[in-house]
Amino acid sequence: MQVTEETIYSPWSGTVEVVLTRKNNHVYEWEKLFLIKTNSGRMEEISIGISGYITSLRVGSGQKINSDTILATIQDDLLITGSD
């Protein structure tokens, strides 16, 4: 069986306001994973287009981050989901 692990990066600089998942949680495509308060004061959501299991969390609430900070890794379950 093929195992694919993907890295989740932050596209913004700012502060992690809320971590909405935990290590070993199963997450679904486009499920909200993090809320980031950007340096400009906007609240941004981070979600990804794959489902699978969170294998590591690299940040916590209140942590300062920059663009390209690794937030987490996810093991893709390789299930095709979604609808038209």
Protein backbone atom coordinates (compact mmCIF):
# COMPACT_ATOMS: atom_id res chain seq x y z
CA MET A 1 0.00 0.00 0.00
CA GLN A 2 1.30 3.43 -0.95
CA VAL A 3 1.71 5.97 1.88
CA THR A 4 1.64 9.65 0.96
CA GLU A 5 2.42 12.29 3.55
CA GLU A 6 1.83 15.98 2.84
CA THR A 7 3.19 19.01 4.65
CA ILE A 8 0.84 21.87 5.55
CA TYR A 9 2.51 25.29 5.33
CA SER A 10 1.24 28.67 6.44
CA PRO A 11 0.66 31.09 3.58
CA TRP A 12 0.59 34.04 6.02
CA SER A 13 2.74 35.64 8.70
CA GLY A 14 1.06 36.30 12.02
CA THR A 15 -0.09 34.36 15.09
CA VAL A 16 -1.78 30.97 15.39
CA GLU A 17 -5.06 31.85 17.12
CA VAL A 18 -6.65 28.39 17.25
CA VAL A 19 -5.54 24.86 16.38
CA LEU A 20 -8.74 23.01 15.41
CA THR A 21 -7.29 19.49 15.23
CA ARG A 22 -5.01 17.13 17.15
CA LYS A 23 -2.33 14.63 16.29
CA ASN A 24 -3.80 11.33 14.98
CA ASN A 25 -7.18 12.97 14.16
CA HIS A 26 -8.79 12.07 10.87
CA VAL A 27 -9.62 15.19 8.89
CA TYR A 28 -11.74 15.66 5.78
CA GLU A 29 -11.06 17.64 2.62
CA TRP A 30 -11.42 21.40 3.23
CA GLU A 31 -12.02 20.96 6.98
CA LYS A 32 -10.74 23.98 8.93
CA LEU A 33 -7.49 23.09 10.67
CA PHE A 34 -6.07 26.40 11.92
CA LEU A 35 -7.15 30.01 12.43
CA ILE A 36 -4.36 32.51 11.83
CA LYS A 37 -4.44 36.19 12.78
CA THR A 38 -2.30 37.83 10.12
CA ASN A 39 0.09 40.68 10.78
CA SER A 40 -2.46 42.97 9.10
CA GLY A 41 -5.10 41.92 11.67
CA ARG A 42 -7.28 39.70 9.44
CA MET A 43 -8.42 36.27 10.63
CA GLU A 44 -7.64 33.57 8.04
CA GLU A 45 -8.62 29.90 7.98
CA ILE A 46 -6.28 27.14 6.85
CA SER A 47 -7.72 24.00 5.29
CA ILE A 48 -6.39 21.57 2.68
CA GLY A 49 -7.84 19.61 -0.21
CA ILE A 50 -7.03 16.13 1.06
CA SER A 51 -8.37 13.87 3.77
CA GLY A 52 -6.29 11.72 6.09
CA TYR A 53 -4.66 11.50 9.50
CA ILE A 54 -2.68 14.28 11.17
CA THR A 55 0.75 12.74 11.83
CA SER A 56 2.36 15.77 13.47
CA LEU A 57 1.44 19.23 14.72
CA ARG A 58 4.34 21.68 14.64
CA VAL A 59 2.64 24.78 16.11
CA GLY A 60 0.35 25.70 18.99
CA SER A 61 -2.08 28.48 19.84
CA GLY A 62 -0.38 31.81 20.40
CA GLN A 63 2.71 30.90 18.40
CA LYS A 64 4.17 33.50 16.03
CA ILE A 65 4.61 32.20 12.49
CA ASN A 66 5.75 33.47 9.12
CA SER A 67 4.82 32.49 5.62
CA ASP A 68 6.20 29.04 4.87
CA THR A 69 6.12 27.89 8.52
CA ILE A 70 5.31 24.18 8.69
CA LEU A 71 2.06 23.82 10.64
CA ALA A 72 1.44 20.07 10.44
CA THR A 73 1.82 16.93 8.35
CA ILE A 74 -1.00 14.71 7.16
CA GLN A 75 -0.98 11.14 5.87
CA ASP A 76 -3.28 11.15 2.85
CA ASP A 77 -5.89 8.37 3.08
CA LEU A 78 -6.08 8.41 -0.76
CA LEU A 79 -9.89 8.36 -0.68
CA ILE A 80 -11.66 10.25 -3.43
CA THR A 81 -14.53 12.24 -1.94
CA GLY A 82 -16.61 15.24 -2.88
CA SER A 83 -19.54 15.98 -5.12
CA ASP A 84 -20.53 18.10 -8.10
